[in-house]
Amino acid sequence: MDSNYKKCTQKDYSLSLKLQIVQEIEQGLLTPMQATNKYGVQARSTIRTWLKKYGNFDYQYTTQQGMSKTPVKLLQ
């Protein structure tokens, strides 16, 4: 392992960088995965935390849902 390697934590990122990343995601310029790669953030969960804390969208009440399993009634 490289002796110069320093593990970053959420607190190691500046507020301005966090806000920039959140803004780019909310504008649809990046996905959270693309942001982790572009800015070298360790995990998408870190970015999800920033979205909840600094984002304009209310992420607290969102869930990823697939198609409904309830069959759709056909018009007769």
PDB file of N, CA and C in Angstrom:
ATOM      1  N   MET A   1       0.839  -1.172   0.000  1.00  0.00           N
ATOM      2  CA  MET A   1       0.000   0.000   0.000  1.00  0.00           C
ATOM      3  C   MET A   1       0.887   1.238   0.000  1.00  0.00           C
ATOM      4  N   ASP A   2       0.470   2.250  -0.720  1.00  0.00           N
ATOM      5  CA  ASP A   2       1.218   3.499  -0.817  1.00  0.00           C
ATOM      6  C   ASP A   2       1.191   4.217   0.533  1.00  0.00           C
ATOM      7  N   SER A   3       2.359   4.559   1.065  1.00  0.00           N
ATOM      8  CA  SER A   3       2.423   5.202   2.371  1.00  0.00           C
ATOM      9  C   SER A   3       1.902   6.643   2.326  1.00  0.00           C
ATOM     10  N   ASN A   4       1.790   7.227   1.119  1.00  0.00           N
ATOM     11  CA  ASN A   4       1.284   8.592   0.979  1.00  0.00           C
ATOM     12  C   ASN A   4      -0.242   8.630   0.879  1.00  0.00           C
ATOM     13  N   TYR A   5      -0.891   7.476   0.795  1.00  0.00           N
ATOM     14  CA  TYR A   5      -2.343   7.409   0.649  1.00  0.00           C
ATOM     15  C   TYR A   5      -3.020   7.901   1.917  1.00  0.00           C
ATOM     16  N   LYS A   6      -3.975   8.804   1.754  1.00  0.00           N
ATOM     17  CA  LYS A   6      -4.728   9.326   2.890  1.00  0.00           C
ATOM     18  C   LYS A   6      -6.199   9.060   2.649  1.00  0.00           C
ATOM     19  N   LYS A   7      -6.820   8.348   3.556  1.00  0.00           N
ATOM     20  CA  LYS A   7      -8.242   8.059   3.439  1.00  0.00           C
ATOM     21  C   LYS A   7      -9.028   9.311   3.813  1.00  0.00           C
ATOM     22  N   CYS A   8      -9.934   9.728   2.922  1.00  0.00           N
ATOM     23  CA  CYS A   8     -10.743  10.914   3.166  1.00  0.00           C
ATOM     24  C   CYS A   8     -12.045  10.537   3.842  1.00  0.00           C
ATOM     25  N   THR A   9     -12.543  11.444   4.644  1.00  0.00           N
ATOM     26  CA  THR A   9     -13.850  11.283   5.245  1.00  0.00           C
ATOM     27  C   THR A   9     -14.730  12.412   4.743  1.00  0.00           C
ATOM     28  N   GLN A  10     -16.022  12.343   5.046  1.00  0.00           N
ATOM     29  CA  GLN A  10     -16.946  13.386   4.602  1.00  0.00           C
ATOM     30  C   GLN A  10     -16.474  14.767   5.009  1.00  0.00           C
ATOM     31  N   LYS A  11     -15.910  14.871   6.184  1.00  0.00           N
ATOM     32  CA  LYS A  11     -15.511  16.172   6.696  1.00  0.00           C
ATOM     33  C   LYS A  11     -14.276  16.727   5.991  1.00  0.00           C
ATOM     34  N   ASP A  12     -13.578  15.889   5.225  1.00  0.00           N
ATOM     35  CA  ASP A  12     -12.395  16.351   4.510  1.00  0.00           C
ATOM     36  C   ASP A  12     -12.749  17.109   3.235  1.00  0.00           C
ATOM     37  N   TYR A  13     -14.007  17.014   2.791  1.00  0.00           N
ATOM     38  CA  TYR A  13     -14.431  17.705   1.581  1.00  0.00           C
ATOM     39  C   TYR A  13     -14.959  19.082   1.963  1.00  0.00           C
ATOM     40  N   SER A  14     -14.592  20.097   1.182  1.00  0.00           N
ATOM     41  CA  SER A  14     -15.047  21.453   1.493  1.00  0.00           C
ATOM     42  C   SER A  14     -16.544  21.586   1.238  1.00  0.00           C
ATOM     43  N   LEU A  15     -17.157  22.512   1.939  1.00  0.00           N
ATOM     44  CA  LEU A  15     -18.583  22.762   1.765  1.00  0.00           C
ATOM     45  C   LEU A  15     -18.876  23.183   0.324  1.00  0.00           C
ATOM     46  N   SER A  16     -18.002  23.992  -0.253  1.00  0.00           N
ATOM     47  CA  SER A  16     -18.234  24.443  -1.628  1.00  0.00           C
ATOM     48  C   SER A  16     -18.218  23.271  -2.613  1.00  0.00           C
ATOM     49  N   LEU A  17     -17.352  22.275  -2.390  1.00  0.00           N
ATOM     50  CA  LEU A  17     -17.319  21.099  -3.259  1.00  0.00           C
ATOM     51  C   LEU A  17     -18.589  20.280  -3.084  1.00  0.00           C
ATOM     52  N   LYS A  18     -19.016  20.100  -1.845  1.00  0.00           N
ATOM     53  CA  LYS A  18     -20.251  19.350  -1.588  1.00  0.00           C
ATOM     54  C   LYS A  18     -21.431  20.003  -2.300  1.00  0.00           C
ATOM     55  N   LEU A  19     -21.540  21.326  -2.180  1.00  0.00           N
ATOM     56  CA  LEU A  19     -22.646  22.050  -2.801  1.00  0.00           C
ATOM     57  C   LEU A  19     -22.575  21.980  -4.320  1.00  0.00           C
ATOM     58  N   GLN A  20     -21.366  22.026  -4.864  1.00  0.00           N
ATOM     59  CA  GLN A  20     -21.194  21.926  -6.310  1.00  0.00           C
ATOM     60  C   GLN A  20     -21.655  20.560  -6.816  1.00  0.00           C
ATOM     61  N   ILE A  21     -21.273  19.513  -6.121  1.00  0.00           N
ATOM     62  CA  ILE A  21     -21.663  18.157  -6.508  1.00  0.00           C
ATOM     63  C   ILE A  21     -23.179  17.996  -6.429  1.00  0.00           C
ATOM     64  N   VAL A  22     -23.782  18.469  -5.342  1.00  0.00           N
ATOM     65  CA  VAL A  22     -25.238  18.384  -5.178  1.00  0.00           C
ATOM     66  C   VAL A  22     -25.935  19.136  -6.311  1.00  0.00           C
ATOM     67  N   GLN A  23     -25.440  20.319  -6.622  1.00  0.00           N
ATOM     68  CA  GLN A  23     -26.047  21.124  -7.690  1.00  0.00           C
ATOM     69  C   GLN A  23     -25.961  20.415  -9.038  1.00  0.00           C
ATOM     70  N   GLU A  24     -24.809  19.843  -9.347  1.00  0.00           N
ATOM     71  CA  GLU A  24     -24.641  19.155 -10.629  1.00  0.00           C
ATOM     72  C   GLU A  24     -25.566  17.941 -10.729  1.00  0.00           C
ATOM     73  N   ILE A  25     -25.764  17.235  -9.633  1.00  0.00           N
ATOM     74  CA  ILE A  25     -26.659  16.075  -9.643  1.00  0.00           C
ATOM     75  C   ILE A  25     -28.107  16.533  -9.808  1.00  0.00           C
ATOM     76  N   GLU A  26     -28.495  17.561  -9.064  1.00  0.00           N
ATOM     77  CA  GLU A  26     -29.878  18.033  -9.143  1.00  0.00           C
ATOM     78  C   GLU A  26     -30.208  18.640 -10.507  1.00  0.00           C
ATOM     79  N   GLN A  27     -29.209  19.180 -11.186  1.00  0.00           N
ATOM     80  CA  GLN A  27     -29.434  19.730 -12.520  1.00  0.00           C
ATOM     81  C   GLN A  27     -29.420  18.650 -13.595  1.00  0.00           C
ATOM     82  N   GLY A  28     -29.112  17.428 -13.198  1.00  0.00           N
ATOM     83  CA  GLY A  28     -29.101  16.321 -14.144  1.00  0.00           C
ATOM     84  C   GLY A  28     -27.818  16.223 -14.952  1.00  0.00           C
ATOM     85  N   LEU A  29     -26.775  16.942 -14.525  1.00  0.00           N
ATOM     86  CA  LEU A  29     -25.498  16.902 -15.239  1.00  0.00           C
ATOM     87  C   LEU A  29     -24.703  15.649 -14.905  1.00  0.00           C
ATOM     88  N   LEU A  30     -24.899  15.119 -13.694  1.00  0.00           N
ATOM     89  CA  LEU A  30     -24.187  13.926 -13.243  1.00  0.00           C
ATOM     90  C   LEU A  30     -25.133  13.027 -12.458  1.00  0.00           C
ATOM     91  N   THR A  31     -24.840  11.749 -12.482  1.00  0.00           N
ATOM     92  CA  THR A  31     -25.494  10.820 -11.566  1.00  0.00           C
ATOM     93  C   THR A  31     -24.603  10.737 -10.326  1.00  0.00           C
ATOM     94  N   PRO A  32     -25.118  10.239  -9.213  1.00  0.00           N
ATOM     95  CA  PRO A  32     -24.255  10.073  -8.038  1.00  0.00           C
ATOM     96  C   PRO A  32     -23.016   9.214  -8.340  1.00  0.00           C
ATOM     97  N   MET A  33     -23.168   8.173  -9.154  1.00  0.00           N
ATOM     98  CA  MET A  33     -22.022   7.323  -9.504  1.00  0.00           C
ATOM     99  C   MET A  33     -20.985   8.105 -10.314  1.00  0.00           C
ATOM    100  N   GLN A  34     -21.450   8.907 -11.266  1.00  0.00           N
ATOM    101  CA  GLN A  34     -20.519   9.715 -12.058  1.00  0.00           C
ATOM    102  C   GLN A  34     -19.801  10.726 -11.165  1.00  0.00           C
ATOM    103  N   ALA A  35     -20.507  11.271 -10.191  1.00  0.00           N
ATOM    104  CA  ALA A  35     -19.902  12.243  -9.284  1.00  0.00           C
ATOM    105  C   ALA A  35     -18.815  11.601  -8.425  1.00  0.00           C
ATOM    106  N   THR A  36     -19.046  10.352  -7.982  1.00  0.00           N
ATOM    107  CA  THR A  36     -18.012   9.682  -7.186  1.00  0.00           C
ATOM    108  C   THR A  36     -16.737   9.518  -8.003  1.00  0.00           C
ATOM    109  N   ASN A  37     -16.889   9.203  -9.280  1.00  0.00           N
ATOM    110  CA  ASN A  37     -15.717   9.028 -10.138  1.00  0.00           C
ATOM    111  C   ASN A  37     -15.064  10.364 -10.480  1.00  0.00           C
ATOM    112  N   LYS A  38     -15.856  11.355 -10.846  1.00  0.00           N
ATOM    113  CA  LYS A  38     -15.326  12.651 -11.266  1.00  0.00           C
ATOM    114  C   LYS A  38     -14.575  13.366 -10.144  1.00  0.00           C
ATOM    115  N   TYR A  39     -15.144  13.315  -8.933  1.00  0.00           N
ATOM    116  CA  TYR A  39     -14.573  14.078  -7.825  1.00  0.00           C
ATOM    117  C   TYR A  39     -13.802  13.230  -6.818  1.00  0.00           C
ATOM    118  N   GLY A  40     -13.738  11.924  -7.043  1.00  0.00           N
ATOM    119  CA  GLY A  40     -12.962  11.065  -6.161  1.00  0.00           C
ATOM    120  C   GLY A  40     -13.577  10.853  -4.794  1.00  0.00           C
ATOM    121  N   VAL A  41     -14.900  10.960  -4.722  1.00  0.00           N
ATOM    122  CA  VAL A  41     -15.588  10.712  -3.460  1.00  0.00           C
ATOM    123  C   VAL A  41     -15.627   9.203  -3.255  1.00  0.00           C
ATOM    124  N   GLN A  42     -15.402   8.762  -2.035  1.00  0.00           N
ATOM    125  CA  GLN A  42     -15.247   7.331  -1.771  1.00  0.00           C
ATOM    126  C   GLN A  42     -16.496   6.502  -2.038  1.00  0.00           C
ATOM    127  N   ALA A  43     -17.672   7.031  -1.704  1.00  0.00           N
ATOM    128  CA  ALA A  43     -18.869   6.196  -1.807  1.00  0.00           C
ATOM    129  C   ALA A  43     -20.083   7.013  -2.207  1.00  0.00           C
ATOM    130  N   ARG A  44     -20.998   6.347  -2.912  1.00  0.00           N
ATOM    131  CA  ARG A  44     -22.249   7.015  -3.283  1.00  0.00           C
ATOM    132  C   ARG A  44     -23.075   7.348  -2.055  1.00  0.00           C
ATOM    133  N   SER A  45     -22.923   6.579  -0.995  1.00  0.00           N
ATOM    134  CA  SER A  45     -23.681   6.874   0.227  1.00  0.00           C
ATOM    135  C   SER A  45     -23.276   8.237   0.798  1.00  0.00           C
ATOM    136  N   THR A  46     -22.028   8.615   0.618  1.00  0.00           N
ATOM    137  CA  THR A  46     -21.571   9.939   1.046  1.00  0.00           C
ATOM    138  C   THR A  46     -22.324  11.007   0.277  1.00  0.00           C
ATOM    139  N   ILE A  47     -22.444  10.817  -1.024  1.00  0.00           N
ATOM    140  CA  ILE A  47     -23.143  11.793  -1.859  1.00  0.00           C
ATOM    141  C   ILE A  47     -24.630  11.810  -1.521  1.00  0.00           C
ATOM    142  N   ARG A  48     -25.219  10.642  -1.246  1.00  0.00           N
ATOM    143  CA  ARG A  48     -26.635  10.604  -0.844  1.00  0.00           C
ATOM    144  C   ARG A  48     -26.845  11.417   0.436  1.00  0.00           C
ATOM    145  N   THR A  49     -25.910  11.329   1.351  1.00  0.00           N
ATOM    146  CA  THR A  49     -25.993  12.109   2.588  1.00  0.00           C
ATOM    147  C   THR A  49     -25.973  13.597   2.277  1.00  0.00           C
ATOM    148  N   TRP A  50     -25.094  14.016   1.354  1.00  0.00           N
ATOM    149  CA  TRP A  50     -25.018  15.425   0.968  1.00  0.00           C
ATOM    150  C   TRP A  50     -26.303  15.878   0.289  1.00  0.00           C
ATOM    151  N   LEU A  51     -26.875  15.016  -0.537  1.00  0.00           N
ATOM    152  CA  LEU A  51     -28.124  15.366  -1.208  1.00  0.00           C
ATOM    153  C   LEU A  51     -29.233  15.609  -0.181  1.00  0.00           C
ATOM    154  N   LYS A  52     -29.289  14.756   0.840  1.00  0.00           N
ATOM    155  CA  LYS A  52     -30.298  14.921   1.881  1.00  0.00           C
ATOM    156  C   LYS A  52     -30.052  16.193   2.693  1.00  0.00           C
ATOM    157  N   LYS A  53     -28.791  16.483   2.950  1.00  0.00           N
ATOM    158  CA  LYS A  53     -28.440  17.598   3.819  1.00  0.00           C
ATOM    159  C   LYS A  53     -28.470  18.947   3.092  1.00  0.00           C
ATOM    160  N   TYR A  54     -27.984  18.986   1.857  1.00  0.00           N
ATOM    161  CA  TYR A  54     -27.812  20.257   1.153  1.00  0.00           C
ATOM    162  C   TYR A  54     -28.715  20.432  -0.070  1.00  0.00           C
ATOM    163  N   GLY A  55     -29.405  19.370  -0.474  1.00  0.00           N
ATOM    164  CA  GLY A  55     -30.191  19.431  -1.700  1.00  0.00           C
ATOM    165  C   GLY A  55     -31.480  20.216  -1.548  1.00  0.00           C
ATOM    166  N   ASN A  56     -32.034  20.629  -2.689  1.00  0.00           N
ATOM    167  CA  ASN A  56     -33.301  21.361  -2.716  1.00  0.00           C
ATOM    168  C   ASN A  56     -34.496  20.419  -2.744  1.00  0.00           C
ATOM    169  N   PHE A  57     -34.269  19.166  -3.079  1.00  0.00           N
ATOM    170  CA  PHE A  57     -35.329  18.181  -3.186  1.00  0.00           C
ATOM    171  C   PHE A  57     -35.468  17.468  -1.854  1.00  0.00           C
ATOM    172  N   ASP A  58     -36.678  17.105  -1.485  1.00  0.00           N
ATOM    173  CA  ASP A  58     -36.898  16.417  -0.217  1.00  0.00           C
ATOM    174  C   ASP A  58     -36.650  14.922  -0.401  1.00  0.00           C
ATOM    175  N   TYR A  59     -35.417  14.494  -0.215  1.00  0.00           N
ATOM    176  CA  TYR A  59     -35.023  13.105  -0.438  1.00  0.00           C
ATOM    177  C   TYR A  59     -35.510  12.175   0.667  1.00  0.00           C
ATOM    178  N   GLN A  60     -35.943  12.724   1.775  1.00  0.00           N
ATOM    179  CA  GLN A  60     -36.362  11.904   2.913  1.00  0.00           C
ATOM    180  C   GLN A  60     -37.538  11.007   2.550  1.00  0.00           C
ATOM    181  N   TYR A  61     -38.416  11.481   1.679  1.00  0.00           N
ATOM    182  CA  TYR A  61     -39.629  10.736   1.387  1.00  0.00           C
ATOM    183  C   TYR A  61     -39.591  10.026   0.042  1.00  0.00           C
ATOM    184  N   THR A  62     -38.426   9.923  -0.557  1.00  0.00           N
ATOM    185  CA  THR A  62     -38.336   9.244  -1.848  1.00  0.00           C
ATOM    186  C   THR A  62     -37.817   7.835  -1.661  1.00  0.00           C
ATOM    187  N   THR A  63     -38.335   6.934  -2.485  1.00  0.00           N
ATOM    188  CA  THR A  63     -37.844   5.568  -2.511  1.00  0.00           C
ATOM    189  C   THR A  63     -37.743   5.150  -3.952  1.00  0.00           C
ATOM    190  N   GLN A  64     -36.885   4.218  -4.227  1.00  0.00           N
ATOM    191  CA  GLN A  64     -36.784   3.699  -5.577  1.00  0.00           C
ATOM    192  C   GLN A  64     -37.818   2.594  -5.710  1.00  0.00           C
ATOM    193  N   GLN A  65     -38.774   2.828  -6.581  1.00  0.00           N
ATOM    194  CA  GLN A  65     -39.825   1.847  -6.757  1.00  0.00           C
ATOM    195  C   GLN A  65     -39.853   1.389  -8.200  1.00  0.00           C
ATOM    196  N   GLY A  66     -40.114   0.119  -8.368  1.00  0.00           N
ATOM    197  CA  GLY A  66     -40.235  -0.442  -9.703  1.00  0.00           C
ATOM    198  C   GLY A  66     -41.680  -0.399 -10.160  1.00  0.00           C
ATOM    199  N   MET A  67     -41.975  -1.191 -11.140  1.00  0.00           N
ATOM    200  CA  MET A  67     -43.330  -1.272 -11.658  1.00  0.00           C
ATOM    201  C   MET A  67     -44.250  -1.895 -10.604  1.00  0.00           C
ATOM    202  N   SER A  68     -45.469  -1.470 -10.613  1.00  0.00           N
ATOM    203  CA  SER A  68     -46.453  -2.018  -9.702  1.00  0.00           C
ATOM    204  C   SER A  68     -46.716  -3.485 -10.019  1.00  0.00           C
ATOM    205  N   LYS A  69     -46.864  -4.281  -8.978  1.00  0.00           N
ATOM    206  CA  LYS A  69     -47.140  -5.710  -9.189  1.00  0.00           C
ATOM    207  C   LYS A  69     -48.645  -5.957  -9.304  1.00  0.00           C
ATOM    208  N   THR A  70     -49.440  -4.940  -9.084  1.00  0.00           N
ATOM    209  CA  THR A  70     -50.874  -5.068  -9.190  1.00  0.00           C
ATOM    210  C   THR A  70     -51.262  -5.040 -10.667  1.00  0.00           C
ATOM    211  N   PRO A  71     -52.018  -6.019 -11.134  1.00  0.00           N
ATOM    212  CA  PRO A  71     -52.387  -6.014 -12.561  1.00  0.00           C
ATOM    213  C   PRO A  71     -53.309  -4.836 -12.885  1.00  0.00           C
ATOM    214  N   VAL A  72     -53.135  -4.288 -14.053  1.00  0.00           N
ATOM    215  CA  VAL A  72     -53.951  -3.169 -14.499  1.00  0.00           C
ATOM    216  C   VAL A  72     -55.245  -3.734 -15.094  1.00  0.00           C
ATOM    217  N   LYS A  73     -56.371  -3.170 -14.696  1.00  0.00           N
ATOM    218  CA  LYS A  73     -57.653  -3.627 -15.236  1.00  0.00           C
ATOM    219  C   LYS A  73     -57.812  -3.081 -16.654  1.00  0.00           C
ATOM    220  N   LEU A  74     -58.168  -3.932 -17.559  1.00  0.00           N
ATOM    221  CA  LEU A  74     -58.347  -3.535 -18.947  1.00  0.00           C
ATOM    222  C   LEU A  74     -59.744  -2.984 -19.150  1.00  0.00           C
ATOM    223  N   LEU A  75     -59.835  -1.963 -19.964  1.00  0.00           N
ATOM    224  CA  LEU A  75     -61.145  -1.415 -20.306  1.00  0.00           C
ATOM    225  C   LEU A  75     -61.895  -2.399 -21.181  1.00  0.00           C
ATOM    226  N   GLN A  76     -63.165  -2.590 -20.923  1.00  0.00           N
ATOM    227  CA  GLN A  76     -63.946  -3.541 -21.715  1.00  0.00           C
ATOM    228  C   GLN A  76     -64.841  -2.843 -22.681  1.00  0.00           C
TER     229      GLN A  76
END
